[in-house]
Amino acid sequence: MKKLLTVFISVFILVLLVYGLYEQVKKQQIPGKLDRLECHKKVTCFEKVFLEDQLELAKKLFMDGDLKIYSSIDKSTHMQSTLFDFVSIEDTEQFLYNHIQTFTKKEILYKNGVAVKIKIYENDKEDPNKKSDKCKLFRGYVVLEIFKDKQLVYKNQIDFMDYQGKDIPNALECAVKSFLTS
């Protein structure tokens, strides 16, 4: 009887430990956070597919060069904005066009394909709504959105760290690769 009680207590404690570990791992996982590509391991990246049934068509149109790029910026408001003293949205858009041109099958020409929206956000480190100090570590982030017929098909967000935004091209390349491999 004593042995049975000891075994029961041991199994109960083991189950509690395993459950506690499971809950800790589950808490640390952030929904949508990526690490499937090498570029994801260097930055924080999130993605979401909104229209699964349109994803493959959007990728095909993208690869065929049937796309139009729209770009914009979002400066910090609670602190002095300095990122765009170093970063030009026009140069960033041109980089993205050039990058896409390296692997598209045809010349980039929008017919009725996909709208590719990129937005560069400057991290506003003095924003009182920041949830933790970890939010203040990166310089900004790039958001890539893919639309088909004005409907959001896919979206990702990738952080960049360099004060002058020199790693924005890497973030854009990673964003495109993430989309094409989603």
N, C-alpha and C. Protein backbone atom coordinates (compact mmCIF):
# COMPACT_ATOMS: atom_id res chain seq x y z
N MET A 1 0.82 -1.20 0.00
CA MET A 1 0.00 0.00 0.00
C MET A 1 0.87 1.26 0.00
N LYS A 2 1.96 1.20 0.80
CA LYS A 2 2.88 2.34 0.88
C LYS A 2 3.55 2.60 -0.46
N LYS A 3 3.94 1.51 -1.13
CA LYS A 3 4.59 1.65 -2.45
C LYS A 3 3.62 2.26 -3.46
N LEU A 4 2.39 1.82 -3.43
CA LEU A 4 1.38 2.33 -4.34
C LEU A 4 1.16 3.83 -4.11
N LEU A 5 1.10 4.23 -2.86
CA LEU A 5 0.93 5.64 -2.53
C LEU A 5 2.14 6.45 -2.98
N THR A 6 3.34 5.93 -2.82
CA THR A 6 4.57 6.62 -3.25
C THR A 6 4.59 6.77 -4.77
N VAL A 7 4.22 5.72 -5.48
CA VAL A 7 4.17 5.78 -6.94
C VAL A 7 3.13 6.81 -7.38
N PHE A 8 1.97 6.80 -6.77
CA PHE A 8 0.92 7.74 -7.11
C PHE A 8 1.38 9.19 -6.89
N ILE A 9 1.98 9.47 -5.77
CA ILE A 9 2.47 10.82 -5.46
C ILE A 9 3.56 11.22 -6.45
N SER A 10 4.47 10.30 -6.77
CA SER A 10 5.54 10.59 -7.72
C SER A 10 4.99 10.92 -9.10
N VAL A 11 4.02 10.12 -9.56
CA VAL A 11 3.41 10.37 -10.87
C VAL A 11 2.67 11.71 -10.85
N PHE A 12 1.97 12.01 -9.78
CA PHE A 12 1.25 13.26 -9.65
C PHE A 12 2.20 14.46 -9.73
N ILE A 13 3.32 14.38 -9.01
CA ILE A 13 4.32 15.46 -9.03
C ILE A 13 4.91 15.60 -10.43
N LEU A 14 5.20 14.50 -11.08
CA LEU A 14 5.74 14.53 -12.44
C LEU A 14 4.75 15.18 -13.41
N VAL A 15 3.48 14.83 -13.29
CA VAL A 15 2.45 15.43 -14.15
C VAL A 15 2.38 16.94 -13.92
N LEU A 16 2.44 17.36 -12.66
CA LEU A 16 2.43 18.79 -12.35
C LEU A 16 3.63 19.51 -12.95
N LEU A 17 4.80 18.92 -12.87
CA LEU A 17 6.01 19.52 -13.44
C LEU A 17 5.90 19.64 -14.96
N VAL A 18 5.47 18.58 -15.60
CA VAL A 18 5.33 18.61 -17.07
C VAL A 18 4.29 19.65 -17.48
N TYR A 19 3.18 19.71 -16.79
CA TYR A 19 2.15 20.70 -17.10
C TYR A 19 2.69 22.12 -16.91
N GLY A 20 3.44 22.36 -15.82
CA GLY A 20 4.03 23.68 -15.57
C GLY A 20 5.00 24.08 -16.67
N LEU A 21 5.84 23.14 -17.10
CA LEU A 21 6.76 23.42 -18.20
C LEU A 21 6.01 23.73 -19.49
N TYR A 22 4.97 22.96 -19.77
CA TYR A 22 4.16 23.18 -20.96
C TYR A 22 3.56 24.58 -20.95
N GLU A 23 3.01 25.00 -19.83
CA GLU A 23 2.41 26.33 -19.71
C GLU A 23 3.45 27.43 -19.91
N GLN A 24 4.66 27.25 -19.40
CA GLN A 24 5.71 28.25 -19.57
C GLN A 24 6.12 28.38 -21.04
N VAL A 25 6.27 27.24 -21.71
CA VAL A 25 6.63 27.26 -23.13
C VAL A 25 5.52 27.91 -23.94
N LYS A 26 4.27 27.59 -23.61
CA LYS A 26 3.12 28.15 -24.31
C LYS A 26 3.06 29.66 -24.15
N LYS A 27 3.39 30.17 -22.96
CA LYS A 27 3.38 31.61 -22.70
C LYS A 27 4.46 32.32 -23.52
N GLN A 28 5.60 31.66 -23.71
CA GLN A 28 6.71 32.28 -24.41
C GLN A 28 6.50 32.33 -25.92
N GLN A 29 5.64 31.48 -26.43
CA GLN A 29 5.38 31.49 -27.87
C GLN A 29 4.42 32.61 -28.19
N ILE A 30 4.76 33.41 -29.17
CA ILE A 30 3.93 34.53 -29.57
C ILE A 30 3.22 34.14 -30.87
N PRO A 31 1.90 34.26 -30.91
CA PRO A 31 1.18 33.87 -32.13
C PRO A 31 1.67 34.66 -33.35
N GLY A 32 1.93 33.93 -34.42
CA GLY A 32 2.35 34.58 -35.66
C GLY A 32 3.85 34.85 -35.76
N LYS A 33 4.60 34.70 -34.65
CA LYS A 33 6.04 34.98 -34.69
C LYS A 33 6.73 33.89 -35.50
N LEU A 34 7.62 34.34 -36.37
CA LEU A 34 8.27 33.41 -37.30
C LEU A 34 9.69 33.07 -36.89
N ASP A 35 10.11 31.87 -37.28
CA ASP A 35 11.52 31.51 -37.21
C ASP A 35 11.85 30.42 -38.22
N ARG A 36 11.03 30.32 -39.28
CA ARG A 36 11.23 29.25 -40.26
C ARG A 36 12.31 29.54 -41.28
N LEU A 37 12.68 30.81 -41.48
CA LEU A 37 13.74 31.17 -42.41
C LEU A 37 14.95 31.68 -41.64
N GLU A 38 16.09 31.60 -42.27
CA GLU A 38 17.32 32.08 -41.62
C GLU A 38 17.21 33.56 -41.23
N CYS A 39 16.61 34.37 -42.08
CA CYS A 39 16.49 35.80 -41.78
C CYS A 39 15.60 36.07 -40.58
N HIS A 40 14.71 35.15 -40.24
CA HIS A 40 13.83 35.32 -39.08
C HIS A 40 14.59 35.19 -37.77
N LYS A 41 15.70 34.49 -37.80
CA LYS A 41 16.46 34.26 -36.58
C LYS A 41 17.23 35.50 -36.14
N LYS A 42 17.40 36.45 -37.04
CA LYS A 42 18.17 37.67 -36.73
C LYS A 42 17.29 38.82 -36.26
N VAL A 43 16.00 38.74 -36.53
CA VAL A 43 15.06 39.82 -36.21
C VAL A 43 13.76 39.22 -35.67
N THR A 44 12.87 40.07 -35.25
CA THR A 44 11.53 39.63 -34.87
C THR A 44 10.63 39.81 -36.08
N CYS A 45 9.91 38.77 -36.40
CA CYS A 45 9.06 38.79 -37.59
C CYS A 45 7.72 38.13 -37.26
N PHE A 46 6.65 38.78 -37.70
CA PHE A 46 5.30 38.24 -37.54
C PHE A 46 4.66 38.18 -38.92
N GLU A 47 3.77 37.22 -39.09
CA GLU A 47 3.02 37.16 -40.34
C GLU A 47 1.63 36.61 -40.10
N LYS A 48 0.75 36.93 -41.05
CA LYS A 48 -0.60 36.38 -40.99
C LYS A 48 -1.14 36.28 -42.42
N VAL A 49 -1.74 35.16 -42.73
CA VAL A 49 -2.43 34.97 -43.99
C VAL A 49 -3.91 35.24 -43.71
N PHE A 50 -4.48 36.18 -44.45
CA PHE A 50 -5.87 36.56 -44.25
C PHE A 50 -6.82 35.82 -45.20
N LEU A 51 -6.37 35.58 -46.43
CA LEU A 51 -7.20 34.87 -47.41
C LEU A 51 -6.40 33.70 -47.97
N GLU A 52 -6.52 32.58 -47.29
CA GLU A 52 -5.76 31.39 -47.66
C GLU A 52 -6.04 30.98 -49.11
N ASP A 53 -7.29 31.13 -49.55
CA ASP A 53 -7.67 30.70 -50.90
C ASP A 53 -7.09 31.61 -51.99
N GLN A 54 -6.61 32.80 -51.63
CA GLN A 54 -6.03 33.73 -52.60
C GLN A 54 -4.50 33.78 -52.55
N LEU A 55 -3.91 33.09 -51.58
CA LEU A 55 -2.47 33.19 -51.35
C LEU A 55 -1.64 32.71 -52.54
N GLU A 56 -1.94 31.55 -53.07
CA GLU A 56 -1.15 31.02 -54.19
C GLU A 56 -1.28 31.89 -55.44
N LEU A 57 -2.48 32.39 -55.70
CA LEU A 57 -2.69 33.29 -56.84
C LEU A 57 -1.88 34.57 -56.64
N ALA A 58 -1.90 35.11 -55.43
CA ALA A 58 -1.13 36.33 -55.14
C ALA A 58 0.36 36.10 -55.35
N LYS A 59 0.86 34.96 -54.93
CA LYS A 59 2.28 34.63 -55.13
C LYS A 59 2.60 34.53 -56.62
N LYS A 60 1.70 33.87 -57.37
CA LYS A 60 1.94 33.71 -58.82
C LYS A 60 1.98 35.08 -59.51
N LEU A 61 1.01 35.93 -59.21
CA LEU A 61 0.98 37.27 -59.82
C LEU A 61 2.21 38.07 -59.43
N PHE A 62 2.62 37.95 -58.18
CA PHE A 62 3.83 38.61 -57.71
C PHE A 62 5.04 38.14 -58.51
N MET A 63 5.19 36.82 -58.62
CA MET A 63 6.33 36.25 -59.34
C MET A 63 6.29 36.58 -60.83
N ASP A 64 5.10 36.79 -61.38
CA ASP A 64 4.96 37.18 -62.78
C ASP A 64 5.23 38.66 -62.99
N GLY A 65 5.40 39.40 -61.90
CA GLY A 65 5.66 40.83 -62.01
C GLY A 65 4.40 41.66 -62.19
N ASP A 66 3.25 41.04 -62.01
CA ASP A 66 1.98 41.75 -62.14
C ASP A 66 1.64 42.35 -60.77
N LEU A 67 2.30 43.46 -60.47
CA LEU A 67 2.17 44.07 -59.15
C LEU A 67 2.41 45.57 -59.21
N LYS A 68 1.92 46.23 -58.22
CA LYS A 68 2.13 47.67 -58.06
C LYS A 68 2.53 47.90 -56.61
N ILE A 69 3.59 48.67 -56.42
CA ILE A 69 4.09 48.94 -55.07
C ILE A 69 3.61 50.31 -54.61
N TYR A 70 3.08 50.33 -53.40
CA TYR A 70 2.70 51.56 -52.72
C TYR A 70 3.52 51.63 -51.44
N SER A 71 4.11 52.77 -51.18
CA SER A 71 4.95 52.86 -49.99
C SER A 71 4.62 54.09 -49.18
N SER A 72 4.88 54.00 -47.88
CA SER A 72 4.64 55.12 -46.98
C SER A 72 5.51 54.97 -45.74
N ILE A 73 5.52 56.02 -44.93
CA ILE A 73 6.30 56.02 -43.70
C ILE A 73 5.42 56.45 -42.54
N ASP A 74 5.89 56.13 -41.35
CA ASP A 74 5.20 56.56 -40.13
C ASP A 74 6.29 57.01 -39.15
N LYS A 75 6.40 58.32 -38.97
CA LYS A 75 7.42 58.89 -38.09
C LYS A 75 6.99 58.79 -36.63
N SER A 76 7.97 58.82 -35.74
CA SER A 76 7.66 58.84 -34.31
C SER A 76 6.99 60.17 -33.99
N THR A 77 6.12 60.16 -32.99
CA THR A 77 5.41 61.38 -32.62
C THR A 77 5.73 61.83 -31.19
N HIS A 78 6.12 60.89 -30.32
CA HIS A 78 6.40 61.26 -28.93
C HIS A 78 7.87 61.63 -28.72
N MET A 79 8.69 61.36 -29.69
CA MET A 79 10.09 61.75 -29.64
C MET A 79 10.45 62.36 -30.99
N GLN A 80 11.57 63.04 -31.04
CA GLN A 80 11.99 63.65 -32.31
C GLN A 80 12.28 62.57 -33.34
N SER A 81 11.70 62.73 -34.50
CA SER A 81 11.90 61.78 -35.59
C SER A 81 13.25 62.05 -36.26
N THR A 82 14.07 61.02 -36.36
CA THR A 82 15.38 61.18 -37.01
C THR A 82 15.64 60.13 -38.08
N LEU A 83 14.89 59.04 -38.08
CA LEU A 83 15.14 57.95 -39.02
C LEU A 83 15.13 58.42 -40.47
N PHE A 84 14.18 59.27 -40.80
CA PHE A 84 14.00 59.65 -42.20
C PHE A 84 14.94 60.77 -42.64
N ASP A 85 15.85 61.14 -41.75
CA ASP A 85 17.00 61.96 -42.16
C ASP A 85 17.98 61.08 -42.93
N PHE A 86 17.93 59.76 -42.67
CA PHE A 86 18.85 58.81 -43.28
C PHE A 86 18.18 57.94 -44.34
N VAL A 87 16.87 57.76 -44.23
CA VAL A 87 16.14 56.82 -45.08
C VAL A 87 15.18 57.59 -45.98
N SER A 88 15.23 57.27 -47.26
CA SER A 88 14.32 57.87 -48.23
C SER A 88 13.32 56.80 -48.66
N ILE A 89 12.05 57.12 -48.59
CA ILE A 89 11.04 56.16 -49.00
C ILE A 89 11.15 55.86 -50.50
N GLU A 90 11.56 56.84 -51.27
CA GLU A 90 11.73 56.62 -52.72
C GLU A 90 12.87 55.63 -52.97
N ASP A 91 13.97 55.78 -52.25
CA ASP A 91 15.09 54.84 -52.41
C ASP A 91 14.69 53.44 -51.94
N THR A 92 13.91 53.39 -50.88
CA THR A 92 13.46 52.11 -50.36
C THR A 92 12.55 51.42 -51.37
N GLU A 93 11.64 52.17 -51.95
CA GLU A 93 10.74 51.60 -52.96
C GLU A 93 11.54 51.13 -54.18
N GLN A 94 12.52 51.90 -54.60
CA GLN A 94 13.36 51.52 -55.74
C GLN A 94 14.14 50.25 -55.43
N PHE A 95 14.65 50.14 -54.19
CA PHE A 95 15.34 48.92 -53.79
C PHE A 95 14.41 47.72 -53.91
N LEU A 96 13.17 47.88 -53.43
CA LEU A 96 12.22 46.77 -53.49
C LEU A 96 11.90 46.39 -54.94
N TYR A 97 11.69 47.38 -55.80
CA TYR A 97 11.48 47.09 -57.23
C TYR A 97 12.67 46.31 -57.80
N ASN A 98 13.87 46.78 -57.52
CA ASN A 98 15.08 46.11 -58.03
C ASN A 98 15.19 44.69 -57.49
N HIS A 99 14.90 44.52 -56.21
CA HIS A 99 14.97 43.20 -55.60
C HIS A 99 13.96 42.26 -56.25
N ILE A 100 12.75 42.72 -56.43
CA ILE A 100 11.72 41.89 -57.04
C ILE A 100 12.09 41.55 -58.48
N GLN A 101 12.67 42.50 -59.18
CA GLN A 101 13.07 42.31 -60.59
C GLN A 101 14.09 41.18 -60.74
N THR A 102 14.87 40.90 -59.69
CA THR A 102 15.89 39.86 -59.79
C THR A 102 15.31 38.46 -59.91
N PHE A 103 14.07 38.26 -59.50
CA PHE A 103 13.51 36.91 -59.58
C PHE A 103 12.14 36.83 -60.25
N THR A 104 11.58 37.94 -60.71
CA THR A 104 10.31 37.84 -61.42
C THR A 104 10.56 37.30 -62.82
N LYS A 105 9.55 36.72 -63.38
CA LYS A 105 9.69 36.09 -64.69
C LYS A 105 9.62 37.10 -65.82
N LYS A 106 8.99 38.24 -65.55
CA LYS A 106 8.79 39.25 -66.58
C LYS A 106 9.09 40.62 -66.01
N GLU A 107 9.02 41.63 -66.87
CA GLU A 107 9.16 43.01 -66.41
C GLU A 107 7.99 43.33 -65.49
N ILE A 108 8.28 44.09 -64.44
CA ILE A 108 7.22 44.46 -63.50
C ILE A 108 6.26 45.41 -64.19
N LEU A 109 5.03 44.94 -64.35
CA LEU A 109 4.01 45.71 -65.04
C LEU A 109 2.66 45.34 -64.45
N TYR A 110 2.00 46.28 -63.85
CA TYR A 110 0.73 46.02 -63.20
C TYR A 110 -0.38 45.97 -64.23
N LYS A 111 -1.10 44.86 -64.23
CA LYS A 111 -2.28 44.71 -65.09
C LYS A 111 -3.50 44.63 -64.18
N ASN A 112 -3.68 43.50 -63.57
CA ASN A 112 -4.77 43.32 -62.61
C ASN A 112 -4.28 42.39 -61.51
N GLY A 113 -3.05 42.59 -61.11
CA GLY A 113 -2.40 41.68 -60.18
C GLY A 113 -2.60 42.03 -58.73
N VAL A 114 -1.48 42.18 -58.04
CA VAL A 114 -1.52 42.43 -56.60
C VAL A 114 -0.98 43.82 -56.28
N ALA A 115 -1.52 44.38 -55.24
CA ALA A 115 -0.99 45.63 -54.69
C ALA A 115 -0.06 45.24 -53.55
N VAL A 116 1.16 45.75 -53.60
CA VAL A 116 2.16 45.48 -52.57
C VAL A 116 2.34 46.77 -51.80
N LYS A 117 1.96 46.76 -50.55
CA LYS A 117 2.08 47.96 -49.72
C LYS A 117 3.19 47.75 -48.71
N ILE A 118 4.13 48.69 -48.70
CA ILE A 118 5.17 48.66 -47.67
C ILE A 118 5.07 49.94 -46.87
N LYS A 119 5.28 49.79 -45.60
CA LYS A 119 5.28 50.95 -44.72
C LYS A 119 6.44 50.80 -43.75
N ILE A 120 7.19 51.87 -43.61
CA ILE A 120 8.32 51.87 -42.67
C ILE A 120 7.90 52.68 -41.46
N TYR A 121 7.93 52.03 -40.32
CA TYR A 121 7.58 52.66 -39.05
C TYR A 121 8.85 52.96 -38.27
N GLU A 122 8.93 54.17 -37.76
CA GLU A 122 10.01 54.52 -36.85
C GLU A 122 9.53 54.18 -35.44
N ASN A 123 10.34 53.43 -34.71
CA ASN A 123 9.96 53.05 -33.35
C ASN A 123 9.95 54.29 -32.47
N ASP A 124 8.82 54.57 -31.90
CA ASP A 124 8.66 55.73 -31.02
C ASP A 124 8.94 55.27 -29.58
N LYS A 125 10.19 55.34 -29.19
CA LYS A 125 10.63 54.80 -27.91
C LYS A 125 10.05 55.55 -26.71
N GLU A 126 9.55 56.74 -26.91
CA GLU A 126 8.97 57.51 -25.81
C GLU A 126 7.44 57.42 -25.76
N ASP A 127 6.88 56.56 -26.56
CA ASP A 127 5.44 56.35 -26.54
C ASP A 127 5.04 55.75 -25.19
N PRO A 128 4.15 56.40 -24.46
CA PRO A 128 3.77 55.89 -23.14
C PRO A 128 3.00 54.57 -23.19
N ASN A 129 2.54 54.17 -24.36
CA ASN A 129 1.79 52.92 -24.49
C ASN A 129 2.68 51.70 -24.71
N LYS A 130 4.01 51.88 -24.75
CA LYS A 130 4.91 50.74 -24.91
C LYS A 130 4.73 49.81 -23.72
N LYS A 131 4.62 48.53 -24.00
CA LYS A 131 4.30 47.56 -22.96
C LYS A 131 5.52 47.12 -22.15
N SER A 132 6.71 47.17 -22.77
CA SER A 132 7.90 46.73 -22.05
C SER A 132 9.13 47.40 -22.65
N ASP A 133 10.24 47.25 -21.95
CA ASP A 133 11.50 47.80 -22.45
C ASP A 133 11.98 47.07 -23.71
N LYS A 134 11.54 45.82 -23.91
CA LYS A 134 11.90 45.08 -25.12
C LYS A 134 11.38 45.79 -26.38
N CYS A 135 10.27 46.50 -26.23
CA CYS A 135 9.69 47.23 -27.37
C CYS A 135 10.57 48.39 -27.80
N LYS A 136 11.51 48.77 -26.96
CA LYS A 136 12.34 49.93 -27.26
C LYS A 136 13.69 49.55 -27.84
N LEU A 137 13.94 48.26 -28.05
CA LEU A 137 15.24 47.80 -28.50
C LEU A 137 15.49 48.00 -29.99
N PHE A 138 14.44 47.94 -30.81
CA PHE A 138 14.63 48.03 -32.25
C PHE A 138 14.45 49.46 -32.73
N ARG A 139 14.96 49.77 -33.91
CA ARG A 139 14.90 51.12 -34.47
C ARG A 139 13.56 51.39 -35.15
N GLY A 140 13.00 50.35 -35.72
CA GLY A 140 11.73 50.48 -36.41
C GLY A 140 11.33 49.14 -36.99
N TYR A 141 10.31 49.15 -37.83
CA TYR A 141 9.91 47.92 -38.48
C TYR A 141 9.28 48.22 -39.83
N VAL A 142 9.33 47.20 -40.66
CA VAL A 142 8.78 47.26 -42.01
C VAL A 142 7.54 46.38 -42.03
N VAL A 143 6.46 46.89 -42.59
CA VAL A 143 5.25 46.09 -42.77
C VAL A 143 5.03 45.91 -44.26
N LEU A 144 4.83 44.67 -44.66
CA LEU A 144 4.53 44.31 -46.05
C LEU A 144 3.12 43.74 -46.08
N GLU A 145 2.28 44.32 -46.93
CA GLU A 145 0.92 43.83 -47.11
C GLU A 145 0.69 43.52 -48.58
N ILE A 146 0.02 42.42 -48.85
CA ILE A 146 -0.31 42.01 -50.21
C ILE A 146 -1.83 41.99 -50.35
N PHE A 147 -2.30 42.75 -51.32
CA PHE A 147 -3.74 42.85 -51.58
C PHE A 147 -4.06 42.30 -52.96
N LYS A 148 -5.20 41.64 -53.06
CA LYS A 148 -5.75 41.22 -54.36
C LYS A 148 -7.19 41.70 -54.39
N ASP A 149 -7.51 42.49 -55.40
CA ASP A 149 -8.86 43.06 -55.53
C ASP A 149 -9.27 43.81 -54.26
N LYS A 150 -8.35 44.59 -53.74
CA LYS A 150 -8.56 45.44 -52.55
C LYS A 150 -8.82 44.65 -51.27
N GLN A 151 -8.55 43.36 -51.28
CA GLN A 151 -8.70 42.53 -50.10
C GLN A 151 -7.32 42.11 -49.61
N LEU A 152 -7.09 42.27 -48.31
CA LEU A 152 -5.80 41.90 -47.72
C LEU A 152 -5.66 40.38 -47.72
N VAL A 153 -4.62 39.91 -48.41
CA VAL A 153 -4.35 38.48 -48.52
C VAL A 153 -3.31 38.06 -47.48
N TYR A 154 -2.27 38.87 -47.33
CA TYR A 154 -1.12 38.49 -46.51
C TYR A 154 -0.50 39.73 -45.90
N LYS A 155 0.06 39.58 -44.69
CA LYS A 155 0.73 40.70 -44.03
C LYS A 155 1.87 40.17 -43.17
N ASN A 156 3.00 40.88 -43.20
CA ASN A 156 4.06 40.56 -42.25
C ASN A 156 4.70 41.84 -41.73
N GLN A 157 5.40 41.69 -40.62
CA GLN A 157 6.10 42.80 -39.97
C GLN A 157 7.46 42.31 -39.54
N ILE A 158 8.50 43.07 -39.90
CA ILE A 158 9.87 42.68 -39.56
C ILE A 158 10.60 43.88 -38.99
N ASP A 159 11.23 43.67 -37.84
CA ASP A 159 11.99 44.74 -37.18
C ASP A 159 13.32 44.99 -37.89
N PHE A 160 13.82 46.21 -37.74
CA PHE A 160 15.20 46.50 -38.12
C PHE A 160 15.84 47.25 -36.97
N MET A 161 17.18 47.16 -36.87
CA MET A 161 17.88 47.63 -35.68
C MET A 161 18.77 48.84 -35.90
N ASP A 162 19.33 49.00 -37.08
CA ASP A 162 20.34 50.02 -37.32
C ASP A 162 19.76 51.43 -37.16
N TYR A 163 20.50 52.28 -36.45
CA TYR A 163 20.04 53.64 -36.16
C TYR A 163 19.74 54.41 -37.45
N GLN A 164 20.57 54.21 -38.48
CA GLN A 164 20.37 54.91 -39.75
C GLN A 164 19.53 54.09 -40.74
N GLY A 165 19.01 52.98 -40.31
CA GLY A 165 18.14 52.17 -41.17
C GLY A 165 18.87 51.42 -42.26
N LYS A 166 20.17 51.20 -42.07
CA LYS A 166 20.94 50.51 -43.11
C LYS A 166 20.52 49.06 -43.30
N ASP A 167 19.81 48.50 -42.34
CA ASP A 167 19.35 47.12 -42.47
C ASP A 167 17.91 47.01 -42.98
N ILE A 168 17.33 48.12 -43.40
CA ILE A 168 15.98 48.07 -43.99
C ILE A 168 15.95 47.21 -45.25
N PRO A 169 16.95 47.29 -46.15
CA PRO A 169 16.93 46.39 -47.31
C PRO A 169 16.89 44.91 -46.90
N ASN A 170 17.62 44.54 -45.83
CA ASN A 170 17.57 43.15 -45.36
C ASN A 170 16.17 42.79 -44.87
N ALA A 171 15.53 43.73 -44.18
CA ALA A 171 14.17 43.50 -43.69
C ALA A 171 13.20 43.33 -44.86
N LEU A 172 13.37 44.14 -45.90
CA LEU A 172 12.50 44.03 -47.08
C LEU A 172 12.70 42.69 -47.79
N GLU A 173 13.96 42.28 -47.95
CA GLU A 173 14.24 40.99 -48.58
C GLU A 173 13.62 39.86 -47.77
N CYS A 174 13.74 39.94 -46.46
CA CYS A 174 13.17 38.92 -45.58
C CYS A 174 11.65 38.93 -45.68
N ALA A 175 11.04 40.11 -45.76
CA ALA A 175 9.59 40.22 -45.88
C ALA A 175 9.10 39.56 -47.16
N VAL A 176 9.79 39.81 -48.26
CA VAL A 176 9.40 39.20 -49.55
C VAL A 176 9.59 37.68 -49.50
N LYS A 177 10.71 37.26 -48.96
CA LYS A 177 10.97 35.80 -48.86
C LYS A 177 9.91 35.14 -47.96
N SER A 178 9.53 35.80 -46.89
CA SER A 178 8.50 35.28 -46.00
C SER A 178 7.18 35.09 -46.74
N PHE A 179 6.83 36.10 -47.52
CA PHE A 179 5.59 36.02 -48.30
C PHE A 179 5.65 34.86 -49.29
N LEU A 180 6.72 34.78 -50.05
CA LEU A 180 6.82 33.78 -51.09
C LEU A 180 6.93 32.34 -50.56
N THR A 181 7.34 32.19 -49.31
CA THR A 181 7.46 30.85 -48.73
C THR A 181 6.35 30.55 -47.73
N SER A 182 5.38 31.44 -47.62
CA SER A 182 4.29 31.22 -46.65
C SER A 182 3.34 30.13 -47.13
